[in-house]
Amino acid sequence: MNLRHVRVNDLFAKMLGASSFQITGKTIDEVLSDPTLDQLREILNAALKNDHTPTQEVVIAERDYQVFVQKVVDVGGDVIGLSLVTVDVTEQKHIIRKLHLSDAHFRHLAEVSPTIAWAARPDGTVDYISPLATDIEGEAMQKRIDRWYSKMHTDDLARVRAEWLAWLPSVRPFSTTFRMAQTGGNYLLMRSRAHPQLDENGAVIRWNGMISPLIVDEGA
């Protein structure tokens, strides 16, 4: 491209590894001759051919930049140049990547080591389970409960249900174990406990429970 740099600020020059004095007056092809700048040159070429050029992202010298390009026209509508603005977004993207990694790490921990609060009506019907990081925001409670049941080993699901219903008349703290499916097809052994909440007459008005990983002492 024969367009020449008319005015160059220091930040743009620094991005290209030069000074504004070294760039001013030179053509775009002269300044962007390095193969690593091919993407930036393509953006400028596209801007000359199109009325609207969307914001682009480029990596130069291991830094991330957003590039905004707009054609400059005279009163007759003829293109007389390009206006280019670059913004260094390296730090912002680094923070975003760290947040994504932290979120993924948190979700992994929540999946392999869940501690879940749950509650049931006096007849034993579970009507509340606290959310996991993998739950869908705004999802109905029953769908959350059903998904939790679907992760229990099928053999344990029937057994735990039978134990739970048989235990209710005792009005005593309940405890059981079951296997919960994890990503990859493995199962994690869990312990579920529940305590009855009684009214002034000693009748159960609520069961409040907690599910947590069962820590096995291998030295025992």
C-alpha atoms as a PDB file:
ATOM      1  CA  MET A   1       0.000   0.000   0.000  1.00  0.00           C
ATOM      2  CA  ASN A   2       1.313   3.444  -0.935  1.00  0.00           C
ATOM      3  CA  LEU A   3      -0.518   5.292   1.829  1.00  0.00           C
ATOM      4  CA  ARG A   4       1.976   7.092   4.032  1.00  0.00           C
ATOM      5  CA  HIS A   5       1.897   7.644   7.767  1.00  0.00           C
ATOM      6  CA  VAL A   6       1.068  11.322   8.258  1.00  0.00           C
ATOM      7  CA  ARG A   7       0.842  11.360  12.033  1.00  0.00           C
ATOM      8  CA  VAL A   8       1.895   8.630  14.463  1.00  0.00           C
ATOM      9  CA  ASN A   9       1.587   8.688  18.237  1.00  0.00           C
ATOM     10  CA  ASP A  10       4.184   7.141  20.509  1.00  0.00           C
ATOM     11  CA  LEU A  11       1.987   4.248  21.654  1.00  0.00           C
ATOM     12  CA  PHE A  12       1.346   3.082  18.087  1.00  0.00           C
ATOM     13  CA  ALA A  13       5.039   3.388  17.297  1.00  0.00           C
ATOM     14  CA  LYS A  14       5.943   1.419  20.413  1.00  0.00           C
ATOM     15  CA  MET A  15       3.546  -1.335  19.321  1.00  0.00           C
ATOM     16  CA  LEU A  16       5.565  -1.656  16.107  1.00  0.00           C
ATOM     17  CA  GLY A  17       8.887  -1.533  17.926  1.00  0.00           C
ATOM     18  CA  ALA A  18       9.918   1.866  16.572  1.00  0.00           C
ATOM     19  CA  SER A  19       9.657   5.586  17.310  1.00  0.00           C
ATOM     20  CA  SER A  20       7.056   7.929  15.838  1.00  0.00           C
ATOM     21  CA  PHE A  21       9.884   9.765  14.054  1.00  0.00           C
ATOM     22  CA  GLN A  22      11.005   6.533  12.344  1.00  0.00           C
ATOM     23  CA  ILE A  23       7.491   5.774  11.078  1.00  0.00           C
ATOM     24  CA  THR A  24       6.172   9.198  10.021  1.00  0.00           C
ATOM     25  CA  GLY A  25       6.413   9.666   6.252  1.00  0.00           C
ATOM     26  CA  LYS A  26       6.915   5.988   5.470  1.00  0.00           C
ATOM     27  CA  THR A  27       4.407   3.928   3.509  1.00  0.00           C
ATOM     28  CA  ILE A  28       2.326   1.251   5.165  1.00  0.00           C
ATOM     29  CA  ASP A  29       4.189  -1.442   3.235  1.00  0.00           C
ATOM     30  CA  GLU A  30       7.514  -0.099   4.462  1.00  0.00           C
ATOM     31  CA  VAL A  31       6.410  -0.063   8.074  1.00  0.00           C
ATOM     32  CA  LEU A  32       4.497  -3.343   7.997  1.00  0.00           C
ATOM     33  CA  SER A  33       7.049  -5.364   6.050  1.00  0.00           C
ATOM     34  CA  ASP A  34       7.606  -7.851   8.890  1.00  0.00           C
ATOM     35  CA  PRO A  35       5.593 -11.082   8.300  1.00  0.00           C
ATOM     36  CA  THR A  36       4.354 -10.920  11.892  1.00  0.00           C
ATOM     37  CA  LEU A  37       2.389  -7.791  10.891  1.00  0.00           C
ATOM     38  CA  ASP A  38       0.539  -9.467   8.005  1.00  0.00           C
ATOM     39  CA  GLN A  39      -2.723  -9.527   9.953  1.00  0.00           C
ATOM     40  CA  LEU A  40      -2.589  -5.784  10.578  1.00  0.00           C
ATOM     41  CA  ARG A  41      -1.850  -5.139   6.903  1.00  0.00           C
ATOM     42  CA  GLU A  42      -4.845  -7.292   5.903  1.00  0.00           C
ATOM     43  CA  ILE A  43      -7.089  -5.253   8.206  1.00  0.00           C
ATOM     44  CA  LEU A  44      -5.977  -2.023   6.530  1.00  0.00           C
ATOM     45  CA  ASN A  45      -6.505  -3.483   3.056  1.00  0.00           C
ATOM     46  CA  ALA A  46     -10.016  -4.576   4.010  1.00  0.00           C
ATOM     47  CA  ALA A  47     -10.783  -1.105   5.376  1.00  0.00           C
ATOM     48  CA  LEU A  48      -9.929   0.452   2.013  1.00  0.00           C
ATOM     49  CA  LYS A  49     -12.338  -1.882   0.210  1.00  0.00           C
ATOM     50  CA  ASN A  50     -15.272  -1.822   2.633  1.00  0.00           C
ATOM     51  CA  ASP A  51     -17.474   0.935   4.006  1.00  0.00           C
ATOM     52  CA  HIS A  52     -17.469  -0.591   7.456  1.00  0.00           C
ATOM     53  CA  THR A  53     -14.670  -2.534   9.117  1.00  0.00           C
ATOM     54  CA  PRO A  54     -15.509  -4.284  12.394  1.00  0.00           C
ATOM     55  CA  THR A  55     -13.174  -4.112  15.355  1.00  0.00           C
ATOM     56  CA  GLN A  56     -10.386  -6.652  14.992  1.00  0.00           C
ATOM     57  CA  GLU A  57      -7.908  -8.195  17.396  1.00  0.00           C
ATOM     58  CA  VAL A  58      -4.262  -8.787  16.589  1.00  0.00           C
ATOM     59  CA  VAL A  59      -1.263 -10.116  18.474  1.00  0.00           C
ATOM     60  CA  ILE A  60       1.973  -8.205  17.985  1.00  0.00           C
ATOM     61  CA  ALA A  61       5.149  -8.967  19.918  1.00  0.00           C
ATOM     62  CA  GLU A  62       3.136 -11.157  22.311  1.00  0.00           C
ATOM     63  CA  ARG A  63       0.759  -8.290  23.147  1.00  0.00           C
ATOM     64  CA  ASP A  64      -2.986  -8.273  22.412  1.00  0.00           C
ATOM     65  CA  TYR A  65      -4.459  -5.270  20.605  1.00  0.00           C
ATOM     66  CA  GLN A  66      -7.897  -4.191  19.453  1.00  0.00           C
ATOM     67  CA  VAL A  67      -7.760  -2.372  16.122  1.00  0.00           C
ATOM     68  CA  PHE A  68     -10.283   0.225  14.953  1.00  0.00           C
ATOM     69  CA  VAL A  69      -9.954   1.442  11.344  1.00  0.00           C
ATOM     70  CA  GLN A  70     -12.008   4.047   9.509  1.00  0.00           C
ATOM     71  CA  LYS A  71     -11.665   5.485   6.017  1.00  0.00           C
ATOM     72  CA  VAL A  72     -10.964   9.211   5.695  1.00  0.00           C
ATOM     73  CA  VAL A  73     -12.721  10.810   2.714  1.00  0.00           C
ATOM     74  CA  ASP A  74     -12.688  14.273   1.165  1.00  0.00           C
ATOM     75  CA  VAL A  75     -15.742  16.437   0.458  1.00  0.00           C
ATOM     76  CA  GLY A  76     -16.280  14.544  -2.781  1.00  0.00           C
ATOM     77  CA  GLY A  77     -16.345  11.184  -1.032  1.00  0.00           C
ATOM     78  CA  ASP A  78     -12.984  10.017  -2.325  1.00  0.00           C
ATOM     79  CA  VAL A  79     -10.772   8.073   0.055  1.00  0.00           C
ATOM     80  CA  ILE A  80      -7.722  10.075   1.037  1.00  0.00           C
ATOM     81  CA  GLY A  81      -6.496   7.952   3.906  1.00  0.00           C
ATOM     82  CA  LEU A  82      -7.183   5.749   6.887  1.00  0.00           C
ATOM     83  CA  SER A  83      -7.554   6.536  10.556  1.00  0.00           C
ATOM     84  CA  LEU A  84      -6.294   3.694  12.729  1.00  0.00           C
ATOM     85  CA  VAL A  85      -6.589   3.391  16.489  1.00  0.00           C
ATOM     86  CA  THR A  86      -5.100   0.522  18.482  1.00  0.00           C
ATOM     87  CA  VAL A  87      -5.811  -0.302  22.110  1.00  0.00           C
ATOM     88  CA  ASP A  88      -3.560  -2.584  24.143  1.00  0.00           C
ATOM     89  CA  VAL A  89      -5.909  -5.082  25.832  1.00  0.00           C
ATOM     90  CA  THR A  90      -3.259  -7.542  26.984  1.00  0.00           C
ATOM     91  CA  GLU A  91      -3.882  -7.048  30.692  1.00  0.00           C
ATOM     92  CA  GLN A  92      -7.668  -7.172  30.311  1.00  0.00           C
ATOM     93  CA  LYS A  93      -7.458 -10.444  28.378  1.00  0.00           C
ATOM     94  CA  HIS A  94      -5.038 -11.849  30.942  1.00  0.00           C
ATOM     95  CA  ILE A  95      -7.515 -11.065  33.724  1.00  0.00           C
ATOM     96  CA  ILE A  96     -10.367 -12.622  31.738  1.00  0.00           C
ATOM     97  CA  ARG A  97      -8.324 -15.776  31.132  1.00  0.00           C
ATOM     98  CA  LYS A  98      -7.506 -16.006  34.844  1.00  0.00           C
ATOM     99  CA  LEU A  99     -11.177 -15.590  35.735  1.00  0.00           C
ATOM    100  CA  HIS A 100     -12.126 -18.328  33.288  1.00  0.00           C
ATOM    101  CA  LEU A 101      -9.495 -20.632  34.760  1.00  0.00           C
ATOM    102  CA  SER A 102     -10.620 -19.809  38.300  1.00  0.00           C
ATOM    103  CA  ASP A 103     -14.233 -20.442  37.368  1.00  0.00           C
ATOM    104  CA  ALA A 104     -13.352 -23.766  35.741  1.00  0.00           C
ATOM    105  CA  HIS A 105     -11.308 -24.743  38.809  1.00  0.00           C
ATOM    106  CA  PHE A 106     -14.157 -23.801  41.137  1.00  0.00           C
ATOM    107  CA  ARG A 107     -16.655 -25.794  39.086  1.00  0.00           C
ATOM    108  CA  HIS A 108     -14.345 -28.807  39.132  1.00  0.00           C
ATOM    109  CA  LEU A 109     -13.980 -28.651  42.914  1.00  0.00           C
ATOM    110  CA  ALA A 110     -17.726 -28.234  43.347  1.00  0.00           C
ATOM    111  CA  GLU A 111     -18.317 -31.294  41.189  1.00  0.00           C
ATOM    112  CA  VAL A 112     -15.833 -33.651  42.810  1.00  0.00           C
ATOM    113  CA  SER A 113     -16.327 -32.436  46.387  1.00  0.00           C
ATOM    114  CA  PRO A 114     -19.910 -31.264  46.732  1.00  0.00           C
ATOM    115  CA  THR A 115     -21.376 -30.395  50.114  1.00  0.00           C
ATOM    116  CA  ILE A 116     -25.080 -30.065  49.531  1.00  0.00           C
ATOM    117  CA  ALA A 117     -27.814 -28.920  51.877  1.00  0.00           C
ATOM    118  CA  TRP A 118     -31.208 -30.527  51.427  1.00  0.00           C
ATOM    119  CA  ALA A 119     -34.595 -30.515  53.120  1.00  0.00           C
ATOM    120  CA  ALA A 120     -37.725 -32.641  53.073  1.00  0.00           C
ATOM    121  CA  ARG A 121     -41.332 -32.467  54.152  1.00  0.00           C
ATOM    122  CA  PRO A 122     -42.576 -34.565  57.114  1.00  0.00           C
ATOM    123  CA  ASP A 123     -43.562 -37.383  54.735  1.00  0.00           C
ATOM    124  CA  GLY A 124     -39.954 -37.578  53.484  1.00  0.00           C
ATOM    125  CA  THR A 125     -40.464 -35.876  50.117  1.00  0.00           C
ATOM    126  CA  VAL A 126     -37.325 -33.897  49.290  1.00  0.00           C
ATOM    127  CA  ASP A 127     -38.349 -30.387  48.232  1.00  0.00           C
ATOM    128  CA  TYR A 128     -35.049 -28.514  48.435  1.00  0.00           C
ATOM    129  CA  ILE A 129     -31.430 -29.115  47.383  1.00  0.00           C
ATOM    130  CA  SER A 130     -28.897 -26.299  47.422  1.00  0.00           C
ATOM    131  CA  PRO A 131     -27.453 -25.364  44.020  1.00  0.00           C
ATOM    132  CA  LEU A 132     -24.247 -26.641  42.484  1.00  0.00           C
ATOM    133  CA  ALA A 133     -21.973 -24.500  40.317  1.00  0.00           C
ATOM    134  CA  THR A 134     -23.140 -26.553  37.327  1.00  0.00           C
ATOM    135  CA  ASP A 135     -26.830 -25.799  37.910  1.00  0.00           C
ATOM    136  CA  ILE A 136     -28.746 -23.714  35.407  1.00  0.00           C
ATOM    137  CA  GLU A 137     -29.687 -20.292  36.745  1.00  0.00           C
ATOM    138  CA  GLY A 138     -33.434 -19.949  37.237  1.00  0.00           C
ATOM    139  CA  GLU A 139     -34.048 -23.681  36.909  1.00  0.00           C
ATOM    140  CA  ALA A 140     -37.078 -25.101  38.729  1.00  0.00           C
ATOM    141  CA  MET A 141     -36.284 -26.778  42.057  1.00  0.00           C
ATOM    142  CA  GLN A 142     -37.792 -30.104  41.016  1.00  0.00           C
ATOM    143  CA  LYS A 143     -35.519 -30.288  37.965  1.00  0.00           C
ATOM    144  CA  ARG A 144     -32.512 -29.678  40.204  1.00  0.00           C
ATOM    145  CA  ILE A 145     -33.648 -32.464  42.547  1.00  0.00           C
ATOM    146  CA  ASP A 146     -34.310 -34.846  39.649  1.00  0.00           C
ATOM    147  CA  ARG A 147     -30.857 -34.178  38.210  1.00  0.00           C
ATOM    148  CA  TRP A 148     -29.294 -34.929  41.595  1.00  0.00           C
ATOM    149  CA  TYR A 149     -31.170 -38.238  41.786  1.00  0.00           C
ATOM    150  CA  SER A 150     -29.988 -39.072  38.260  1.00  0.00           C
ATOM    151  CA  LYS A 151     -26.373 -38.908  39.466  1.00  0.00           C
ATOM    152  CA  MET A 152     -26.928 -41.509  42.184  1.00  0.00           C
ATOM    153  CA  HIS A 153     -25.947 -45.087  41.415  1.00  0.00           C
ATOM    154  CA  THR A 154     -29.122 -46.924  40.386  1.00  0.00           C
ATOM    155  CA  ASP A 155     -28.551 -49.688  42.962  1.00  0.00           C
ATOM    156  CA  ASP A 156     -28.116 -47.137  45.754  1.00  0.00           C
ATOM    157  CA  LEU A 157     -31.098 -45.008  44.751  1.00  0.00           C
ATOM    158  CA  ALA A 158     -33.654 -47.725  45.491  1.00  0.00           C
ATOM    159  CA  ARG A 159     -31.871 -48.785  48.693  1.00  0.00           C
ATOM    160  CA  VAL A 160     -31.552 -45.252  50.098  1.00  0.00           C
ATOM    161  CA  ARG A 161     -35.195 -44.501  49.346  1.00  0.00           C
ATOM    162  CA  ALA A 162     -36.307 -47.648  51.181  1.00  0.00           C
ATOM    163  CA  GLU A 163     -34.052 -46.857  54.166  1.00  0.00           C
ATOM    164  CA  TRP A 164     -35.294 -43.271  54.309  1.00  0.00           C
ATOM    165  CA  LEU A 165     -39.004 -44.080  54.216  1.00  0.00           C
ATOM    166  CA  ALA A 166     -38.589 -46.840  56.787  1.00  0.00           C
ATOM    167  CA  TRP A 167     -36.681 -44.482  59.103  1.00  0.00           C
ATOM    168  CA  LEU A 168     -39.175 -41.609  59.120  1.00  0.00           C
ATOM    169  CA  PRO A 169     -41.437 -42.944  61.930  1.00  0.00           C
ATOM    170  CA  SER A 170     -38.456 -43.148  64.297  1.00  0.00           C
ATOM    171  CA  VAL A 171     -38.140 -39.334  64.373  1.00  0.00           C
ATOM    172  CA  ARG A 172     -34.403 -39.780  64.968  1.00  0.00           C
ATOM    173  CA  PRO A 173     -31.366 -38.456  63.063  1.00  0.00           C
ATOM    174  CA  PHE A 174     -30.851 -40.309  59.788  1.00  0.00           C
ATOM    175  CA  SER A 175     -27.583 -41.307  58.094  1.00  0.00           C
ATOM    176  CA  THR A 176     -26.759 -43.315  54.989  1.00  0.00           C
ATOM    177  CA  THR A 177     -24.188 -43.570  52.205  1.00  0.00           C
ATOM    178  CA  PHE A 178     -24.465 -43.796  48.434  1.00  0.00           C
ATOM    179  CA  ARG A 179     -22.388 -43.492  45.283  1.00  0.00           C
ATOM    180  CA  MET A 180     -22.601 -40.376  43.129  1.00  0.00           C
ATOM    181  CA  ALA A 181     -21.562 -40.310  39.465  1.00  0.00           C
ATOM    182  CA  GLN A 182     -18.693 -38.004  38.515  1.00  0.00           C
ATOM    183  CA  THR A 183     -17.342 -36.798  35.199  1.00  0.00           C
ATOM    184  CA  GLY A 184     -15.503 -39.625  33.469  1.00  0.00           C
ATOM    185  CA  GLY A 185     -17.758 -42.396  34.740  1.00  0.00           C
ATOM    186  CA  ASN A 186     -16.284 -42.729  38.232  1.00  0.00           C
ATOM    187  CA  TYR A 187     -18.323 -42.708  41.441  1.00  0.00           C
ATOM    188  CA  LEU A 188     -17.699 -40.775  44.649  1.00  0.00           C
ATOM    189  CA  LEU A 189     -18.899 -42.217  47.953  1.00  0.00           C
ATOM    190  CA  MET A 190     -21.170 -39.732  49.726  1.00  0.00           C
ATOM    191  CA  ARG A 191     -22.735 -39.559  53.175  1.00  0.00           C
ATOM    192  CA  SER A 192     -26.169 -38.051  53.701  1.00  0.00           C
ATOM    193  CA  ARG A 193     -27.402 -37.027  57.146  1.00  0.00           C
ATOM    194  CA  ALA A 194     -30.697 -35.527  58.257  1.00  0.00           C
ATOM    195  CA  HIS A 195     -32.126 -34.220  61.521  1.00  0.00           C
ATOM    196  CA  PRO A 196     -35.818 -33.762  62.256  1.00  0.00           C
ATOM    197  CA  GLN A 197     -37.169 -30.312  63.073  1.00  0.00           C
ATOM    198  CA  LEU A 198     -39.954 -30.727  65.627  1.00  0.00           C
ATOM    199  CA  ASP A 199     -42.850 -28.575  66.738  1.00  0.00           C
ATOM    200  CA  GLU A 200     -43.796 -27.983  70.374  1.00  0.00           C
ATOM    201  CA  ASN A 201     -45.669 -31.286  70.434  1.00  0.00           C
ATOM    202  CA  GLY A 202     -42.731 -33.315  69.140  1.00  0.00           C
ATOM    203  CA  ALA A 203     -44.131 -33.777  65.634  1.00  0.00           C
ATOM    204  CA  VAL A 204     -41.829 -33.480  62.636  1.00  0.00           C
ATOM    205  CA  ILE A 205     -42.393 -30.295  60.642  1.00  0.00           C
ATOM    206  CA  ARG A 206     -39.249 -30.538  58.513  1.00  0.00           C
ATOM    207  CA  TRP A 207     -36.203 -32.696  57.853  1.00  0.00           C
ATOM    208  CA  ASN A 208     -32.956 -30.779  57.299  1.00  0.00           C
ATOM    209  CA  GLY A 209     -30.001 -32.609  55.832  1.00  0.00           C
ATOM    210  CA  MET A 210     -26.495 -32.360  54.453  1.00  0.00           C
ATOM    211  CA  ILE A 211     -24.681 -34.427  51.818  1.00  0.00           C
ATOM    212  CA  SER A 212     -20.885 -34.479  51.777  1.00  0.00           C
ATOM    213  CA  PRO A 213     -18.047 -36.670  50.491  1.00  0.00           C
ATOM    214  CA  LEU A 214     -17.261 -39.612  52.745  1.00  0.00           C
ATOM    215  CA  ILE A 215     -13.605 -39.466  53.791  1.00  0.00           C
ATOM    216  CA  VAL A 216     -12.252 -42.987  54.180  1.00  0.00           C
ATOM    217  CA  ASP A 217      -9.345 -43.524  56.574  1.00  0.00           C
ATOM    218  CA  GLU A 218      -7.163 -45.919  54.581  1.00  0.00           C
ATOM    219  CA  GLY A 219      -4.975 -46.555  57.613  1.00  0.00           C
ATOM    220  CA  ALA A 220      -7.836 -47.912  59.700  1.00  0.00           C
END
